[in-house]
Amino acid sequence: MTNNKISFIGCGNMASAIILGLVDKGLSPQNIMASNRSDEKLKKIKQSSGILTTTNNRKAVEFSEVIVISVKPQILPQVCQQLKDIDLSDKLIISVAAGITTEKITELLAQPVAVIRAMPNTPASISQSATGLFANSQTSQSQKDSAIAIFSAIGKTELVERESLIDVVTAIAGSAPAYVFLFIQAMVEQAIENGLDPKSARNLATQAVVGASKLAQIKSDRSLQDLGNAVTSPGGTTAAAITSFEQNDFSNIIKKAVGAAINRGKELGEQA
């Protein structure tokens, strides 16, 4: 990873999170360049990370061996139009645009090119991202290794075998922090209504979620249901909460929400 120069086209929240994570892990800021139309965003990321910046996408591509395209799916065709007359045969394109297939990206670039779709999430900024990757057939093993190294520097990474699974990754990893924040917020609000001060409520609720997630990772040999049962004594407080969840169809609410995210990812790909 440290031998590769990396450029980011688009400098929004996700790109900034990845950049800050990489710099925090020791990648030289001089090996990273960000390109963006907004000078304000470039000044902000340059000040916080020390990386190189430009408003010229072509300059960013020519600078690096790895190009991370981090723009909205609707903007990606415009970016590819700017780059398609550049020889990309020795470069790796990584796209974090939800829903747009590697085949579509290759078509937009009008040349055979190594493309990896990546779906990280915003905890990348604290090196706690969950990232799914899919590589097309043009991608070499060394390029796959580079992408894995980049995203492993900001969290956990999984390389999936079928591209259709990236929409699933988007729903359970890319979008998931928002679900978790909503869940925590509801717990905190109920705790405050019952007399706990806001700071204590937030500290306890967030730590409970962190602890449960860590336990599920460490005890990966045990089912999630088994781990839940270990907390749930018959007739106890946890059992009362679980019964309420079940009566209100909690599991199906979550499944429907994840399904909606998967379907939206597919729709975005079709619209591109």
Protein backbone atom coordinates (compact mmCIF):
# COMPACT_ATOMS: atom_id res chain seq x y z
CA MET A 1 0.00 0.00 0.00
CA THR A 2 2.72 2.48 0.88
CA ASN A 3 4.28 2.12 -2.59
CA ASN A 4 1.07 3.12 -4.39
CA LYS A 5 -0.03 6.64 -5.14
CA ILE A 6 -3.76 7.01 -4.64
CA SER A 7 -6.08 9.67 -5.99
CA PHE A 8 -9.65 10.41 -4.99
CA ILE A 9 -12.08 11.92 -7.45
CA GLY A 10 -14.73 13.47 -5.28
CA CYS A 11 -14.00 14.64 -1.77
CA GLY A 12 -17.23 14.19 0.12
CA ASN A 13 -17.76 12.53 3.48
CA MET A 14 -16.79 9.02 2.40
CA ALA A 15 -13.62 10.00 0.53
CA SER A 16 -12.58 12.23 3.42
CA ALA A 17 -13.15 9.40 5.89
CA ILE A 18 -11.00 7.01 3.85
CA ILE A 19 -8.26 9.61 3.36
CA LEU A 20 -8.09 10.44 7.06
CA GLY A 21 -8.04 6.75 7.91
CA LEU A 22 -5.19 6.06 5.50
CA VAL A 23 -3.12 8.98 6.77
CA ASP A 24 -3.76 7.92 10.35
CA LYS A 25 -2.45 4.45 9.48
CA GLY A 26 0.79 5.89 8.11
CA LEU A 27 0.30 6.38 4.37
CA SER A 28 2.25 9.47 3.33
CA PRO A 29 -0.03 12.42 2.53
CA GLN A 30 2.26 13.11 -0.42
CA ASN A 31 1.10 9.84 -1.96
CA ILE A 32 -2.54 10.92 -1.88
CA MET A 33 -4.28 13.45 -4.11
CA ALA A 34 -7.92 14.54 -3.98
CA SER A 35 -9.80 16.19 -6.82
CA ASN A 36 -13.04 18.07 -6.34
CA ARG A 37 -15.00 20.92 -7.90
CA SER A 38 -15.39 22.61 -4.53
CA ASP A 39 -12.33 24.51 -3.33
CA GLU A 40 -13.86 24.65 0.14
CA LYS A 41 -13.89 20.86 0.50
CA LEU A 42 -10.34 20.60 -0.84
CA LYS A 43 -9.06 23.21 1.61
CA LYS A 44 -10.74 21.38 4.46
CA ILE A 45 -9.24 17.97 3.65
CA LYS A 46 -5.81 19.48 2.90
CA GLN A 47 -5.81 21.25 6.26
CA SER A 48 -6.85 18.13 8.19
CA SER A 49 -4.64 15.60 6.37
CA GLY A 50 -1.87 17.39 4.45
CA ILE A 51 -2.62 15.60 1.16
CA LEU A 52 -2.25 17.04 -2.31
CA THR A 53 -5.32 18.58 -3.95
CA THR A 54 -6.49 19.65 -7.39
CA THR A 55 -9.66 20.66 -9.19
CA ASN A 56 -8.49 18.77 -12.31
CA ASN A 57 -9.65 15.15 -12.45
CA ARG A 58 -7.22 14.29 -15.22
CA LYS A 59 -4.28 15.51 -13.16
CA ALA A 60 -5.42 13.30 -10.29
CA VAL A 61 -5.61 10.24 -12.55
CA GLU A 62 -2.19 10.86 -14.08
CA PHE A 63 -0.72 11.23 -10.57
CA SER A 64 -1.65 7.78 -9.29
CA GLU A 65 -1.76 4.04 -9.85
CA VAL A 66 -5.01 3.68 -7.90
CA ILE A 67 -7.99 5.96 -8.55
CA VAL A 68 -10.89 5.97 -6.11
CA ILE A 69 -13.99 7.45 -7.72
CA SER A 70 -16.11 8.71 -4.83
CA VAL A 71 -18.96 10.65 -6.39
CA LYS A 72 -22.72 10.20 -6.44
CA PRO A 73 -23.88 7.51 -8.88
CA GLN A 74 -25.61 10.14 -11.01
CA ILE A 75 -22.30 12.01 -11.45
CA LEU A 76 -20.10 9.00 -12.26
CA PRO A 77 -20.88 8.99 -16.04
CA GLN A 78 -19.69 12.60 -16.28
CA VAL A 79 -16.44 11.72 -14.51
CA CYS A 80 -15.82 8.72 -16.77
CA GLN A 81 -16.44 10.91 -19.83
CA GLN A 82 -13.56 13.15 -18.71
CA LEU A 83 -11.20 10.19 -18.27
CA LYS A 84 -11.98 7.82 -21.13
CA ASP A 85 -9.25 9.12 -23.48
CA ILE A 86 -6.53 8.53 -20.84
CA ASP A 87 -4.64 5.22 -21.04
CA LEU A 88 -5.81 3.37 -17.94
CA SER A 89 -4.27 0.01 -18.78
CA ASP A 90 -1.82 0.10 -15.86
CA LYS A 91 -4.20 1.68 -13.35
CA LEU A 92 -6.80 0.38 -10.92
CA ILE A 93 -10.17 2.08 -10.74
CA ILE A 94 -12.03 1.71 -7.43
CA SER A 95 -15.62 2.92 -7.41
CA VAL A 96 -17.66 3.57 -4.27
CA ALA A 97 -20.71 4.70 -6.27
CA ALA A 98 -23.64 2.56 -5.18
CA GLY A 99 -25.41 0.48 -7.80
CA ILE A 100 -23.12 1.01 -10.80
CA THR A 101 -21.64 -2.25 -12.11
CA THR A 102 -18.04 -2.82 -13.15
CA GLU A 103 -19.31 -3.60 -16.66
CA LYS A 104 -21.06 -0.22 -16.82
CA ILE A 105 -17.94 1.57 -15.58
CA THR A 106 -15.79 -0.20 -18.20
CA GLU A 107 -18.33 0.78 -20.86
CA LEU A 108 -18.28 4.41 -19.73
CA LEU A 109 -14.47 4.48 -19.80
CA ALA A 110 -14.51 2.95 -23.30
CA GLN A 111 -11.55 0.63 -22.69
CA PRO A 112 -10.63 -2.55 -20.84
CA VAL A 113 -9.69 -1.54 -17.32
CA ALA A 114 -9.25 -3.07 -13.88
CA VAL A 115 -12.27 -2.04 -11.82
CA ILE A 116 -13.12 -2.81 -8.22
CA ARG A 117 -16.39 -1.82 -6.64
CA ALA A 118 -16.03 -0.97 -2.97
CA MET A 119 -18.63 -0.28 -0.34
CA PRO A 120 -17.06 1.10 2.84
CA ASN A 121 -18.92 2.99 5.55
CA THR A 122 -18.32 6.19 7.49
CA PRO A 123 -16.60 4.55 10.51
CA ALA A 124 -13.63 4.50 8.12
CA SER A 125 -12.68 7.81 9.75
CA ILE A 126 -11.88 5.94 12.98
CA SER A 127 -10.48 2.83 11.25
CA GLN A 128 -13.65 0.83 11.93
CA SER A 129 -15.09 0.51 8.43
CA ALA A 130 -16.88 -2.57 7.14
CA THR A 131 -16.02 -2.77 3.43
CA GLY A 132 -17.16 -5.14 0.72
CA LEU A 133 -15.15 -5.42 -2.52
CA PHE A 134 -15.81 -6.96 -5.93
CA ALA A 135 -13.14 -7.11 -8.66
CA ASN A 136 -13.80 -7.55 -12.36
CA SER A 137 -11.90 -10.05 -14.53
CA GLN A 138 -9.39 -7.40 -15.68
CA THR A 139 -8.11 -6.95 -12.14
CA SER A 140 -4.82 -8.65 -11.29
CA GLN A 141 -4.14 -10.34 -7.98
CA SER A 142 -1.69 -7.59 -7.03
CA GLN A 143 -4.37 -4.97 -7.69
CA LYS A 144 -6.85 -6.92 -5.56
CA ASP A 145 -4.22 -7.07 -2.83
CA SER A 146 -3.71 -3.30 -3.08
CA ALA A 147 -7.43 -2.63 -2.69
CA ILE A 148 -7.68 -5.03 0.24
CA ALA A 149 -4.68 -3.35 1.88
CA ILE A 150 -6.18 0.13 1.41
CA PHE A 151 -9.52 -0.74 2.94
CA SER A 152 -8.08 -3.06 5.59
CA ALA A 153 -6.16 -0.05 6.86
CA ILE A 154 -9.50 1.52 7.81
CA GLY A 155 -11.35 -1.54 9.11
CA LYS A 156 -12.50 -5.01 8.12
CA THR A 157 -12.76 -6.01 4.47
CA GLU A 158 -14.49 -8.83 2.59
CA LEU A 159 -13.97 -9.65 -1.10
CA VAL A 160 -17.20 -11.07 -2.56
CA GLU A 161 -17.31 -13.45 -5.52
CA ARG A 162 -20.45 -12.18 -7.25
CA GLU A 163 -21.06 -8.55 -8.13
CA SER A 164 -24.74 -8.75 -7.24
CA LEU A 165 -23.68 -9.21 -3.63
CA ILE A 166 -22.33 -5.65 -3.48
CA ASP A 167 -25.91 -4.36 -3.24
CA VAL A 168 -26.31 -6.61 -0.20
CA VAL A 169 -23.05 -5.31 1.27
CA THR A 170 -24.30 -1.76 0.74
CA ALA A 171 -27.43 -2.52 2.73
CA ILE A 172 -25.80 -4.31 5.69
CA ALA A 173 -22.54 -2.36 5.90
CA GLY A 174 -22.54 0.85 3.87
CA SER A 175 -25.90 2.06 5.13
CA ALA A 176 -25.90 0.24 8.45
CA PRO A 177 -24.36 2.98 10.66
CA ALA A 178 -27.52 5.04 10.10
CA TYR A 179 -29.66 2.12 11.28
CA VAL A 180 -27.52 1.68 14.39
CA PHE A 181 -27.59 5.41 15.21
CA LEU A 182 -31.39 5.34 14.94
CA PHE A 183 -31.55 2.35 17.30
CA ILE A 184 -29.22 4.01 19.82
CA GLN A 185 -31.15 7.28 19.61
CA ALA A 186 -34.40 5.50 20.50
CA MET A 187 -32.78 3.80 23.50
CA VAL A 188 -31.22 7.05 24.70
CA GLU A 189 -34.47 8.98 24.38
CA GLN A 190 -36.36 6.36 26.38
CA ALA A 191 -33.64 6.36 29.06
CA ILE A 192 -33.84 10.15 29.36
CA GLU A 193 -37.64 10.02 29.61
CA ASN A 194 -37.17 7.66 32.54
CA GLY A 195 -34.80 9.97 34.40
CA LEU A 196 -31.26 9.16 33.22
CA ASP A 197 -29.16 12.16 32.27
CA PRO A 198 -28.36 12.50 28.53
CA LYS A 199 -24.60 12.01 28.87
CA SER A 200 -24.91 8.82 30.90
CA ALA A 201 -27.65 7.51 28.61
CA ARG A 202 -25.55 8.01 25.51
CA ASN A 203 -22.37 6.61 27.06
CA LEU A 204 -24.09 3.48 28.32
CA ALA A 205 -26.13 2.84 25.17
CA THR A 206 -23.22 3.30 22.78
CA GLN A 207 -20.92 1.14 24.89
CA ALA A 208 -23.57 -1.58 25.05
CA VAL A 209 -23.74 -1.63 21.24
CA VAL A 210 -19.94 -1.62 20.88
CA GLY A 211 -19.57 -4.38 23.46
CA ALA A 212 -22.26 -6.57 21.91
CA SER A 213 -20.74 -6.15 18.43
CA LYS A 214 -17.25 -7.00 19.69
CA LEU A 215 -18.59 -10.04 21.52
CA ALA A 216 -20.32 -11.24 18.35
CA GLN A 217 -17.03 -10.91 16.45
CA ILE A 218 -14.90 -12.62 19.08
CA LYS A 219 -17.44 -15.40 19.67
CA SER A 220 -17.97 -16.06 15.96
CA ASP A 221 -18.23 -19.79 16.66
CA ARG A 222 -21.52 -19.16 18.48
CA SER A 223 -24.75 -18.21 16.73
CA LEU A 224 -26.19 -14.76 17.27
CA GLN A 225 -29.33 -16.38 18.66
CA ASP A 226 -27.23 -18.27 21.20
CA LEU A 227 -25.47 -15.08 22.28
CA GLY A 228 -28.83 -13.38 22.70
CA ASN A 229 -30.23 -16.27 24.70
CA ALA A 230 -27.27 -16.01 27.07
CA VAL A 231 -28.48 -12.52 28.06
CA THR A 232 -32.14 -13.45 28.30
CA SER A 233 -33.33 -14.98 31.55
CA PRO A 234 -36.92 -16.31 31.51
CA GLY A 235 -39.26 -13.74 32.99
CA GLY A 236 -36.51 -11.12 33.29
CA THR A 237 -36.08 -7.58 31.98
CA THR A 238 -34.38 -8.64 28.74
CA ALA A 239 -37.12 -11.17 28.07
CA ALA A 240 -39.71 -8.41 28.46
CA ALA A 241 -37.91 -6.28 25.87
CA ILE A 242 -37.49 -9.20 23.45
CA THR A 243 -41.17 -10.06 23.77
CA SER A 244 -42.05 -6.45 22.92
CA PHE A 245 -39.74 -6.58 19.89
CA GLU A 246 -41.40 -9.78 18.70
CA GLN A 247 -44.91 -8.45 19.23
CA ASN A 248 -44.03 -5.39 17.15
CA ASP A 249 -42.46 -7.50 14.36
CA PHE A 250 -38.98 -6.06 14.91
CA SER A 251 -37.12 -8.66 12.81
CA ASN A 252 -39.35 -8.15 9.79
CA ILE A 253 -39.07 -4.36 10.12
CA ILE A 254 -35.28 -4.68 9.89
CA LYS A 255 -35.45 -7.17 7.02
CA LYS A 256 -37.79 -4.92 5.05
CA ALA A 257 -35.53 -1.93 5.61
CA VAL A 258 -32.45 -3.84 4.43
CA GLY A 259 -34.43 -5.12 1.46
CA ALA A 260 -35.43 -1.56 0.57
CA ALA A 261 -31.75 -0.53 0.63
CA ILE A 262 -30.80 -3.49 -1.62
CA ASN A 263 -33.54 -2.62 -4.11
CA ARG A 264 -32.54 1.05 -4.14
CA GLY A 265 -28.97 0.07 -4.95
CA LYS A 266 -30.20 -1.90 -7.94
CA GLU A 267 -32.38 1.02 -9.05
CA LEU A 268 -29.43 3.41 -8.91
CA GLY A 269 -27.48 1.06 -11.15
CA GLU A 270 -30.28 0.92 -13.68
CA GLN A 271 -30.59 4.71 -13.74
CA ALA A 272 -26.88 5.30 -14.38
